[in-house]
Protein backbone atom coordinates (compact mmCIF):
# COMPACT_ATOMS: atom_id res chain seq x y z
CA MET A 1 -10.81 20.10 10.70
CA ASP A 2 -13.96 19.81 12.72
CA CYS A 3 -14.87 22.01 15.62
CA THR A 4 -17.60 23.63 17.60
CA CYS A 5 -18.10 27.16 18.70
CA SER A 6 -16.01 27.86 21.79
CA GLN A 7 -17.27 29.91 24.71
CA VAL A 8 -16.80 33.65 24.57
CA GLU A 9 -13.64 34.25 26.56
CA SER A 10 -13.81 35.89 29.94
CA GLY A 11 -14.52 39.60 29.78
CA LEU A 12 -15.64 39.51 26.13
CA LYS A 13 -19.21 40.69 25.69
CA MET A 14 -21.29 39.52 22.76
CA ASP A 15 -22.31 42.69 20.93
CA GLN A 16 -25.26 42.94 18.54
CA PRO A 17 -23.32 42.18 15.28
CA VAL A 18 -21.83 39.05 16.83
CA LEU A 19 -25.26 37.99 18.10
CA ARG A 20 -26.79 38.49 14.67
CA ASN A 21 -23.96 36.48 13.09
CA LEU A 22 -24.44 33.71 15.63
CA LEU A 23 -28.17 33.51 14.88
CA ARG A 24 -27.48 33.53 11.14
CA HIS A 25 -24.90 30.79 11.64
CA LYS A 26 -27.38 28.62 13.56
CA LEU A 27 -30.35 29.21 11.27
CA ARG A 28 -28.60 28.72 7.92
CA LYS A 29 -28.93 24.90 8.11
CA GLY A 30 -31.71 23.54 5.95
CA PRO A 31 -34.20 20.80 6.81
CA SER A 32 -33.12 17.19 6.86
CA GLY A 33 -34.07 14.64 4.24
CA ILE A 34 -32.53 13.85 0.87
CA SER A 35 -34.15 14.40 -2.49
CA PRO A 36 -33.15 12.68 -5.74
CA VAL A 37 -31.38 15.85 -6.86
CA ARG A 38 -29.40 16.00 -3.62
CA LEU A 39 -28.65 12.29 -3.92
CA ILE A 40 -27.08 12.91 -7.32
CA ALA A 41 -25.08 15.78 -5.84
CA VAL A 42 -23.93 13.54 -3.01
CA LEU A 43 -22.69 10.97 -5.49
CA ILE A 44 -20.83 13.65 -7.43
CA ILE A 45 -19.10 15.01 -4.34
CA ALA A 46 -17.33 11.85 -3.17
CA VAL A 47 -14.72 11.46 -0.50
CA VAL A 48 -11.12 10.41 -0.98
CA LEU A 49 -10.36 6.72 -1.52
CA LEU A 50 -9.51 4.70 1.58
CA THR A 51 -9.41 6.24 5.02
CA THR A 52 -7.43 9.48 5.10
CA ARG A 53 -6.32 12.59 3.28
CA PRO A 54 -2.64 11.74 3.14
CA ASP A 55 0.21 13.68 1.62
CA LEU A 56 1.16 12.95 -1.99
CA VAL A 57 3.80 10.30 -1.30
CA ALA A 58 1.65 8.50 1.28
CA ALA A 59 -1.33 8.59 -1.07
CA GLN A 60 0.72 7.01 -3.85
CA ALA A 61 2.01 4.24 -1.56
CA GLU A 62 -1.49 3.51 -0.24
CA LEU A 63 -3.08 3.47 -3.68
CA GLN A 64 -0.30 1.37 -5.19
CA MET A 65 -0.69 -1.17 -2.39
CA TRP A 66 -4.39 -1.58 -3.17
CA LEU A 67 -3.86 -1.74 -6.94
CA ASN A 68 -0.85 -4.04 -6.88
CA PRO A 69 -1.89 -7.59 -7.89
CA GLU A 70 1.09 -9.08 -6.02
CA MET A 71 0.39 -10.25 -2.47
CA GLY A 72 2.55 -10.99 0.54
CA LYS A 73 5.24 -8.34 -0.05
CA GLN A 74 4.19 -5.58 2.36
CA ILE A 75 6.85 -4.32 4.79
CA PRO A 76 6.46 -2.53 8.15
CA ARG A 77 7.07 1.21 7.86
CA ALA A 78 6.70 4.39 9.85
CA ASP A 79 7.43 8.07 9.45
CA TYR A 80 7.54 11.28 11.47
CA ARG A 81 7.04 14.72 9.91
CA LEU A 82 7.50 18.16 11.47
CA THR A 83 6.09 21.25 9.73
CA TYR A 84 6.72 24.81 10.90
CA TYR A 85 4.47 27.74 9.98
CA PRO A 86 5.77 31.07 11.40
CA ASP A 87 3.44 33.69 12.86
CA ARG A 88 1.56 35.73 10.28
CA ALA A 89 -1.09 38.42 10.51
CA VAL A 90 -4.80 37.57 10.58
CA GLU A 91 -6.94 39.57 8.17
CA ASN A 92 -9.37 42.05 9.81
CA GLN A 93 -8.11 41.21 13.31
CA GLU A 94 -5.38 42.51 15.60
CA ALA A 95 -4.03 38.97 15.83
CA HIS A 96 -1.30 36.61 14.65
CA PHE A 97 -1.43 32.93 13.68
CA GLY A 98 1.33 30.30 13.53
CA TRP A 99 1.81 26.66 14.47
CA MET A 100 4.01 23.58 14.61
CA GLU A 101 2.57 20.40 13.10
CA HIS A 102 3.71 16.96 14.29
CA ARG A 103 2.56 13.98 12.23
CA VAL A 104 3.29 10.27 12.80
CA ASN A 105 2.19 7.38 10.54
CA MET A 106 2.66 3.63 11.01
CA PHE A 107 1.85 0.59 8.86
CA MET A 108 2.31 -2.98 10.12
CA PRO A 109 1.49 -6.21 8.22
CA LEU A 110 -0.10 -8.64 10.66
CA TYR A 111 -0.24 -11.63 8.33
CA GLN A 112 0.45 -12.12 4.63
CA ASP A 113 0.95 -14.82 2.04
CA SER A 114 0.33 -15.18 -1.70
CA LYS A 115 -3.46 -14.99 -1.21
CA ASP A 116 -4.20 -12.91 1.89
CA GLU A 117 -2.97 -9.78 3.64
CA PHE A 118 -3.99 -8.39 7.06
CA ALA A 119 -2.49 -5.08 8.19
CA LEU A 120 -2.73 -2.44 10.91
CA ALA A 121 -2.34 1.29 10.26
CA ALA A 122 -2.21 4.15 12.76
CA LYS A 123 -1.87 7.92 12.50
CA GLY A 124 -1.25 10.74 14.96
CA LEU A 125 -1.41 14.45 14.14
CA PHE A 126 -0.87 17.30 16.61
CA LEU A 127 -1.06 21.03 15.86
CA ASP A 128 0.56 23.24 18.50
CA ILE A 129 -1.07 26.57 17.66
CA ASP A 130 0.07 30.06 18.68
CA THR A 131 -2.69 32.57 17.97
CA THR A 132 -4.85 35.29 19.46
CA ALA A 133 -7.46 35.00 16.68
CA ILE A 134 -11.17 34.76 17.50
CA PHE A 135 -14.04 33.34 15.46
CA PRO A 136 -15.64 36.34 13.74
CA ASP A 137 -19.23 35.01 13.61
CA THR A 138 -19.70 33.17 16.90
CA GLY A 139 -16.98 34.66 19.07
CA GLY A 140 -14.50 32.70 21.16
CA ARG A 141 -10.79 32.09 20.87
CA PHE A 142 -9.36 29.71 18.29
CA PRO A 143 -8.14 26.45 19.96
CA SER A 144 -4.50 26.35 21.05
CA GLU A 145 -4.17 22.73 19.90
CA LEU A 146 -5.83 20.31 17.48
CA TRP A 147 -5.42 16.53 17.24
CA ASP A 148 -6.24 13.78 14.75
CA VAL A 149 -5.57 10.27 16.07
CA SER A 150 -6.76 7.10 14.35
CA ALA A 151 -6.12 3.38 13.90
CA GLY A 152 -7.50 0.88 11.42
CA LEU A 153 -7.36 -2.63 10.02
CA SER A 154 -7.24 -3.64 6.36
CA TYR A 155 -7.60 -6.94 4.53
CA ARG A 156 -6.95 -8.04 0.94
CA HIS A 157 -7.64 -11.37 -0.75
CA LYS A 158 -6.62 -12.59 -4.20
CA PHE A 159 -8.99 -15.07 -5.81
CA ASP A 160 -8.03 -17.91 -8.15
CA ASN A 161 -9.29 -15.89 -11.14
CA SER A 162 -6.80 -13.08 -10.18
CA TRP A 163 -9.52 -10.73 -8.92
CA THR A 164 -8.50 -8.90 -5.74
CA ALA A 165 -10.92 -7.71 -3.06
CA GLY A 166 -10.18 -5.73 0.07
CA ALA A 167 -11.64 -3.66 2.87
CA ALA A 168 -10.37 -1.15 5.42
CA LEU A 169 -11.99 0.05 8.64
CA THR A 170 -10.67 3.04 10.63
CA ILE A 171 -11.80 4.70 13.84
CA GLY A 172 -10.41 7.98 15.07
CA SER A 173 -10.96 11.42 16.52
CA ALA A 174 -10.03 14.83 15.08
CA SER A 175 -10.65 17.57 17.63
CA ASP A 176 -9.25 20.02 20.15
CA LYS A 177 -10.41 17.44 22.74
CA PRO A 178 -9.98 14.07 20.99
CA PHE A 179 -12.15 11.15 22.12
CA SER A 180 -14.00 13.39 24.60
CA SER A 181 -17.37 12.35 23.10
CA TRP A 182 -18.82 10.41 20.18
CA ASP A 183 -19.47 13.59 18.19
CA VAL A 184 -15.74 14.36 17.87
CA MET A 185 -14.99 10.85 16.58
CA TYR A 186 -15.25 9.35 13.10
CA LEU A 187 -15.62 5.96 11.49
CA ARG A 188 -14.39 5.31 7.95
CA PHE A 189 -14.90 2.22 5.80
CA ALA A 190 -13.67 1.46 2.29
CA ALA A 191 -14.12 -1.64 0.14
CA MET A 192 -12.36 -2.32 -3.16
CA LEU A 193 -12.58 -4.86 -5.96
CA ARG A 194 -9.86 -5.03 -8.63
CA VAL A 195 -10.79 -6.84 -11.86
CA PRO A 196 -7.82 -7.39 -14.23
CA GLN A 197 -8.19 -6.48 -17.91
CA GLY A 198 -5.34 -8.08 -19.79
CA GLU A 199 -1.80 -8.22 -18.45
CA ARG A 200 -1.48 -4.62 -17.17
CA ASN A 201 -4.87 -2.92 -16.94
CA SER A 202 -7.77 -3.30 -14.51
CA TRP A 203 -11.17 -2.03 -13.42
CA ILE A 204 -11.42 -0.81 -9.82
CA PHE A 205 -14.76 -0.72 -8.01
CA THR A 206 -15.01 1.00 -4.62
CA LEU A 207 -17.53 1.64 -1.87
CA ILE A 208 -16.71 4.32 0.72
CA TYR A 209 -18.45 5.43 3.90
CA ALA A 210 -17.17 8.06 6.33
CA THR A 211 -19.08 9.60 9.21
CA ASP A 212 -16.99 12.78 9.02
CA GLU A 213 -17.60 13.28 5.29
CA THR A 214 -21.19 14.50 5.25
CA ILE A 215 -22.54 16.10 2.08
CA PHE A 216 -25.55 18.39 2.57
CA GLY A 217 -25.80 16.94 6.08
CA GLU A 218 -26.16 13.34 4.83
CA ASN A 219 -24.00 10.29 5.55
CA ILE A 220 -24.43 7.62 2.88
CA PRO A 221 -22.08 5.07 1.25
CA ILE A 222 -20.45 6.38 -1.93
CA PRO A 223 -19.88 3.90 -4.81
CA GLY A 224 -17.05 4.48 -7.26
CA VAL A 225 -15.46 3.06 -10.39
CA ALA A 226 -12.14 3.73 -12.11
CA TYR A 227 -10.04 2.23 -14.89
CA ALA A 228 -6.32 1.66 -14.40
CA TRP A 229 -4.53 1.95 -17.74
CA VAL A 230 -0.84 0.96 -17.78
CA PRO A 231 0.23 0.83 -21.45
CA SER A 232 3.96 0.87 -20.59
CA ASP A 233 6.44 1.16 -17.74
CA TRP A 234 6.59 4.94 -18.17
CA PHE A 235 2.87 5.74 -18.03
CA THR A 236 0.11 4.89 -15.53
CA ALA A 237 -3.35 6.43 -15.41
CA VAL A 238 -6.20 5.70 -12.99
CA ILE A 239 -9.22 7.62 -14.29
CA GLY A 240 -12.64 7.51 -12.69
CA PHE A 241 -14.78 8.46 -9.72
CA PRO A 242 -14.15 9.46 -6.96
CA PHE A 243 -10.42 9.81 -7.65
CA SER A 244 -8.00 10.05 -10.55
CA MET A 245 -4.23 9.95 -10.82
CA ILE A 246 -1.61 9.97 -13.55
CA GLN A 247 2.07 9.05 -13.33
CA ILE A 248 4.46 9.77 -16.21
CA LYS A 249 8.17 9.03 -16.62
CA PRO A 250 9.22 11.23 -19.58
CA VAL A 251 12.85 10.20 -19.08
CA GLU A 252 14.43 7.44 -17.02
CA LYS A 253 15.21 9.49 -13.88
CA VAL A 254 12.22 11.87 -13.86
CA THR A 255 8.71 11.06 -12.60
CA ILE A 256 5.67 13.36 -12.77
CA ASP A 257 2.65 12.65 -10.53
CA LEU A 258 -0.80 14.24 -10.78
CA GLU A 259 -3.72 13.51 -8.42
CA TYR A 260 -7.26 14.82 -8.19
CA TYR A 261 -10.02 14.22 -5.62
CA PRO A 262 -13.45 15.91 -5.96
CA PHE A 263 -13.76 18.76 -5.79
CA TRP A 264 -11.11 20.80 -4.10
CA THR A 265 -8.01 18.64 -3.72
CA VAL A 266 -5.25 18.67 -6.32
CA ARG A 267 -1.68 17.43 -5.84
CA THR A 268 1.22 17.52 -8.28
CA ARG A 269 4.90 16.59 -8.02
CA ALA A 270 7.93 16.19 -10.29
CA THR A 271 10.77 14.04 -8.90
CA TRP A 272 14.33 13.77 -10.22
CA GLU A 273 16.45 10.80 -9.13
CA ILE A 274 19.88 12.44 -9.07
CA PHE A 275 21.54 9.16 -8.09
CA ARG A 276 20.24 6.06 -6.35
CA PRO A 277 19.75 7.30 -2.72
CA LEU A 278 19.23 11.01 -3.52
CA ARG A 279 16.14 12.56 -5.09
CA ALA A 280 14.97 16.14 -5.54
CA TYR A 281 11.39 17.23 -6.14
CA VAL A 282 9.16 20.24 -6.75
CA GLY A 283 5.39 20.41 -6.52
CA TRP A 284 2.16 22.28 -5.99
CA GLN A 285 -0.94 21.23 -4.08
CA TRP A 286 -4.34 22.52 -3.02
CA ASP A 287 -5.38 20.61 0.05
CA SER A 288 -7.27 20.67 3.35
CA ASP A 289 -7.69 19.14 6.80
CA HIS A 290 -10.69 19.15 9.11
CA TYR A 291 -11.48 18.76 12.81
CA TYR A 292 -14.41 18.89 15.27
CA ARG A 293 -14.39 21.54 17.96
CA ALA A 294 -15.65 19.87 21.13
CA ASP A 295 -17.91 22.78 22.14
CA ARG A 296 -19.18 23.79 18.71
CA VAL A 297 -22.68 25.22 18.37
CA GLU A 298 -23.78 23.11 15.38
CA LYS A 299 -22.81 19.43 15.74
CA PRO A 300 -22.52 18.77 11.97
CA ASP A 301 -19.97 21.61 11.62
CA LYS A 302 -16.28 20.98 11.12
CA LEU A 303 -13.31 23.31 11.37
CA PHE A 304 -11.57 23.29 7.98
CA TYR A 305 -8.13 24.50 7.01
CA ARG A 306 -7.36 25.10 3.34
CA GLU A 307 -4.19 26.23 1.62
CA MET A 308 -2.34 26.22 -1.65
CA ARG A 309 1.33 25.32 -1.43
CA ALA A 310 4.33 25.44 -3.77
CA TYR A 311 7.34 23.52 -2.51
CA ALA A 312 10.73 21.98 -3.31
CA GLY A 313 12.83 19.49 -1.40
CA VAL A 314 15.33 16.65 -1.32
CA ARG A 315 15.06 13.07 -0.07
CA PHE A 316 17.92 10.74 0.87
CA ASP A 317 17.08 7.05 1.36
CA LEU A 318 19.19 4.29 2.82
CA GLN A 319 18.07 0.69 3.26
CA HIS A 320 16.03 1.18 6.42
CA ILE A 321 15.90 4.94 6.93
CA GLY A 322 15.29 8.00 4.82
CA PHE A 323 15.43 11.74 5.39
CA GLU A 324 13.52 14.59 3.73
CA VAL A 325 13.84 18.37 3.95
CA THR A 326 11.27 20.56 2.19
CA GLY A 327 10.83 24.29 1.88
CA GLY A 328 7.70 25.90 0.53
CA TYR A 329 5.38 28.86 0.28
CA ALA A 330 1.77 28.61 1.49
CA PHE A 331 -0.85 30.99 0.13
CA ASN A 332 -4.63 31.39 -0.12
CA ARG A 333 -4.73 30.17 3.50
CA PHE A 334 -7.83 30.23 5.66
CA TRP A 335 -9.80 28.44 8.35
CA PHE A 336 -13.58 28.28 8.37
CA GLU A 337 -16.33 26.44 10.23
CA GLY A 338 -19.21 24.72 8.48
CA GLU A 339 -20.45 21.49 6.95
CA GLY A 340 -18.42 21.82 3.76
CA TYR A 341 -16.66 24.08 1.29
CA SER A 342 -19.89 25.91 0.43
CA ASP A 343 -19.77 27.35 3.98
CA ARG A 344 -16.28 28.78 3.50
CA ASP A 345 -17.38 32.32 4.45
CA ASP A 346 -18.70 31.24 7.87
CA ASN A 347 -16.47 31.86 10.89
CA ARG A 348 -13.67 32.45 8.39
CA ILE A 349 -10.16 33.36 9.51
CA ASP A 350 -7.82 34.44 6.69
CA ILE A 351 -4.08 34.21 7.33
CA ALA A 352 -1.34 36.05 5.44
CA ASN A 353 0.87 34.07 3.04
CA SER A 354 3.92 32.42 4.56
CA TRP A 355 6.98 30.31 3.93
CA LEU A 356 7.17 26.93 5.67
CA VAL A 357 9.75 24.27 6.50
CA VAL A 358 9.18 20.50 6.66
CA GLY A 359 11.49 17.81 8.05
CA LYS A 360 10.67 14.12 7.76
CA ILE A 361 12.15 10.77 8.79
CA ASN A 362 11.03 7.54 7.08
CA LEU A 363 11.64 4.10 8.58
CA ARG A 364 11.33 0.70 6.83
CA PHE A 365 11.86 -2.62 8.56
């Protein structure tokens, strides 16, 4: 979540501690330029594969699409998800914080056959925020709404030797004032090459570039490599850099999924297929989102939200429509403003733990 420092609200005077914090916030940035040591660090701290930070199910579908050697079998799909966080107290402030999150995703194949696939993907995210919290370092009220809207094109091609190559390009804006200027927008590019190793396994080579994923203030392409090991129908492992995932089916109707993205994103889920249309699941995840505040003081800064979440839910799928209801408990929740996780104490707003409710509708055509 990326944002800028908002103006001090009317009637609020900037006292000396706030002024000192503002100066510290502005002067903490180091000089530009990248040394070999920082280059190594940049390569270690890679961004997530492809173009977004999706939820666990969406991430699995996206990754499976790129790893699947079969071509020409993509279907149009869309989903809408509503998440409710009730008001909770803000630490060290006489304030509350709660919000409703609306999220829409769409995927549409434009052309596909046994060799080529073109597709369009779009995403819309809106946070309707109810809070009286202010930024502790720079002053100013927290935004009452945040948006993340994007669209992108992807292409895959399967060569005669069974190698598969693909690329995806996405443009979007994540801000309290989306598309209001170039510095609240982002461009993301990902390229992938899948090289089969035997009947089931494969090497995966990636190249990722994202303007909103700066490390130490630098934007450079991030190369990656992973090995997909599929020894049987009940075990799949993709181990490498910058992402890893494992899927295990210990028994016929139970699936366990584990995902890791450097350094601070972990997602887990166990799913039980009770009978064909009905599934139940439990999980835990440590995840984040980020935005740009349109009037922030430091342009490289982003507004991050981080939380840990334990949850359980049920999913009912028919041929073209599916429904999900999830309940959970969110903890270790906070917002902060900076270039990355190392700045997590800057402009930090801690929120009390809370239960949450999620409703989702999935459409397939």
